[in-house]
Amino acid sequence: MINAYHGAILPVDLTVLDCDILVIEGIEQFLKEDCKVLDEHTCRESWRKRLKEWKVWEASGRKRKIVIIGTDISKGIVPLEQADRKWRDMTGWVYQDISSNADRVDVIWYGLNRQIK
């Protein structure tokens, strides 16, 4: 498991990992760090590239699977700070990209699972 909440860093090359199932938790936190140093276009393109690489990694092994877990930060009041708005927008866009590339998408709210794709 790669967990942003515990300070993990996303590996550049998944082929060095010795596993068939990879769980990546805290996608919004990884995005927050990227938003600090990249403009919106570069950040989104970097994540689109990463998603393509992850799909290649999954396809390269019969039982390989990536489970991506992120927290929905789009609810509530729109942040006043420009950097926080950028992070919120970027997270929403990347979640859309993740969902469009995923075989399955689930929303878990108050412990109740709902498969939406």
Protein backbone atom coordinates (compact mmCIF):
# COMPACT_ATOMS: atom_id res chain seq x y z
CA MET A 1 0.00 0.00 0.00
CA ILE A 2 1.16 3.48 -0.86
CA ASN A 3 -0.45 5.85 1.62
CA ALA A 4 -0.13 9.62 1.26
CA TYR A 5 -1.54 10.08 4.76
CA HIS A 6 1.57 8.38 6.13
CA GLY A 7 4.02 10.36 4.00
CA ALA A 8 4.54 7.82 1.22
CA ILE A 9 5.85 8.91 -2.16
CA LEU A 10 4.38 7.66 -5.42
CA PRO A 11 6.93 5.49 -7.23
CA VAL A 12 7.89 6.65 -10.70
CA ASP A 13 8.32 3.08 -11.96
CA LEU A 14 5.79 0.47 -10.81
CA THR A 15 7.80 -2.36 -12.36
CA VAL A 16 10.16 -2.25 -9.38
CA LEU A 17 7.30 -3.25 -7.07
CA ASP A 18 6.95 -6.89 -6.16
CA CYS A 19 3.15 -7.17 -6.00
CA ASP A 20 0.11 -7.86 -8.14
CA ILE A 21 -2.33 -5.68 -6.23
CA LEU A 22 -1.35 -2.13 -5.46
CA VAL A 23 -3.48 0.10 -3.24
CA ILE A 24 -2.84 3.83 -3.50
CA GLU A 25 -4.56 5.82 -0.77
CA GLY A 26 -4.82 9.58 -0.43
CA ILE A 27 -4.71 10.60 -4.09
CA GLU A 28 -5.92 14.08 -3.13
CA GLN A 29 -2.86 14.52 -0.90
CA PHE A 30 -0.48 13.54 -3.70
CA LEU A 31 -2.32 16.07 -5.87
CA LYS A 32 -1.99 18.77 -3.23
CA GLU A 33 1.79 18.45 -3.37
CA ASP A 34 1.78 18.56 -7.18
CA CYS A 35 -0.45 21.66 -7.18
CA LYS A 36 2.15 23.50 -5.11
CA VAL A 37 4.78 23.21 -7.85
CA LEU A 38 2.91 22.71 -11.15
CA ASP A 39 0.45 24.83 -13.09
CA GLU A 40 -3.00 23.35 -13.80
CA HIS A 41 -2.24 22.13 -17.33
CA THR A 42 1.08 20.50 -16.43
CA CYS A 43 -0.36 18.92 -13.30
CA ARG A 44 -3.31 17.37 -15.12
CA GLU A 45 -1.18 16.14 -18.00
CA SER A 46 1.28 14.62 -15.56
CA TRP A 47 -1.57 12.70 -13.89
CA ARG A 48 -2.99 11.60 -17.24
CA LYS A 49 0.45 10.25 -18.15
CA ARG A 50 0.71 8.50 -14.80
CA LEU A 51 -2.73 6.90 -15.28
CA LYS A 52 -1.68 5.56 -18.69
CA GLU A 53 1.48 4.09 -17.15
CA TRP A 54 -0.57 2.47 -14.41
CA LYS A 55 -2.88 0.90 -17.00
CA VAL A 56 0.16 -0.52 -18.82
CA TRP A 57 1.46 -1.94 -15.52
CA GLU A 58 -1.91 -3.56 -14.82
CA ALA A 59 -2.08 -5.04 -18.32
CA SER A 60 1.44 -6.46 -18.06
CA GLY A 61 0.40 -9.07 -15.49
CA ARG A 62 -2.60 -11.35 -15.54
CA LYS A 63 -3.65 -10.62 -11.98
CA ARG A 64 -2.37 -7.09 -11.60
CA LYS A 65 -4.74 -4.49 -10.25
CA ILE A 66 -4.47 -0.97 -8.88
CA VAL A 67 -6.99 0.23 -6.32
CA ILE A 68 -7.06 4.02 -6.03
CA ILE A 69 -8.61 5.61 -2.94
CA GLY A 70 -9.26 9.30 -2.63
CA THR A 71 -11.33 11.56 -0.42
CA ASP A 72 -13.99 13.76 -1.99
CA ILE A 73 -12.94 17.33 -1.19
CA SER A 74 -15.53 18.98 -3.46
CA LYS A 75 -18.34 19.35 -0.94
CA GLY A 76 -18.87 22.34 1.27
CA ILE A 77 -17.82 25.94 0.92
CA VAL A 78 -15.49 26.89 -1.91
CA PRO A 79 -12.10 27.80 -0.37
CA LEU A 80 -11.12 31.46 -0.21
CA GLU A 81 -7.44 30.84 -0.94
CA GLN A 82 -6.53 30.52 -4.63
CA ALA A 83 -4.13 27.63 -3.95
CA ASP A 84 -6.87 25.68 -2.16
CA ARG A 85 -9.32 26.31 -5.02
CA LYS A 86 -6.70 25.12 -7.51
CA TRP A 87 -6.16 21.93 -5.47
CA ARG A 88 -9.91 21.32 -5.20
CA ASP A 89 -10.45 21.82 -8.95
CA MET A 90 -7.45 19.69 -9.88
CA THR A 91 -8.61 16.89 -7.62
CA GLY A 92 -12.04 16.89 -9.26
CA TRP A 93 -10.53 16.83 -12.76
CA VAL A 94 -8.11 14.03 -11.90
CA TYR A 95 -10.92 12.03 -10.27
CA GLN A 96 -12.83 12.38 -13.56
CA ASP A 97 -9.78 11.10 -15.44
CA ILE A 98 -9.36 8.22 -13.00
CA SER A 99 -13.03 7.30 -13.32
CA SER A 100 -12.99 7.38 -17.11
CA ASN A 101 -9.96 5.05 -17.14
CA ALA A 102 -11.23 2.71 -14.42
CA ASP A 103 -12.99 -0.58 -14.94
CA ARG A 104 -14.96 0.00 -11.74
CA VAL A 105 -15.73 3.04 -9.60
CA ASP A 106 -17.30 2.92 -6.15
CA VAL A 107 -18.39 5.70 -3.83
CA ILE A 108 -18.34 4.95 -0.14
CA TRP A 109 -20.35 7.31 2.03
CA TYR A 110 -20.81 6.67 5.74
CA GLY A 111 -19.54 3.13 5.19
CA LEU A 112 -22.16 2.37 2.53
CA ASN A 113 -20.80 1.28 -0.85
CA ARG A 114 -22.39 2.30 -4.14
CA GLN A 115 -20.91 1.14 -7.41
CA ILE A 116 -21.31 3.91 -10.01
CA LYS A 117 -19.34 2.28 -12.83
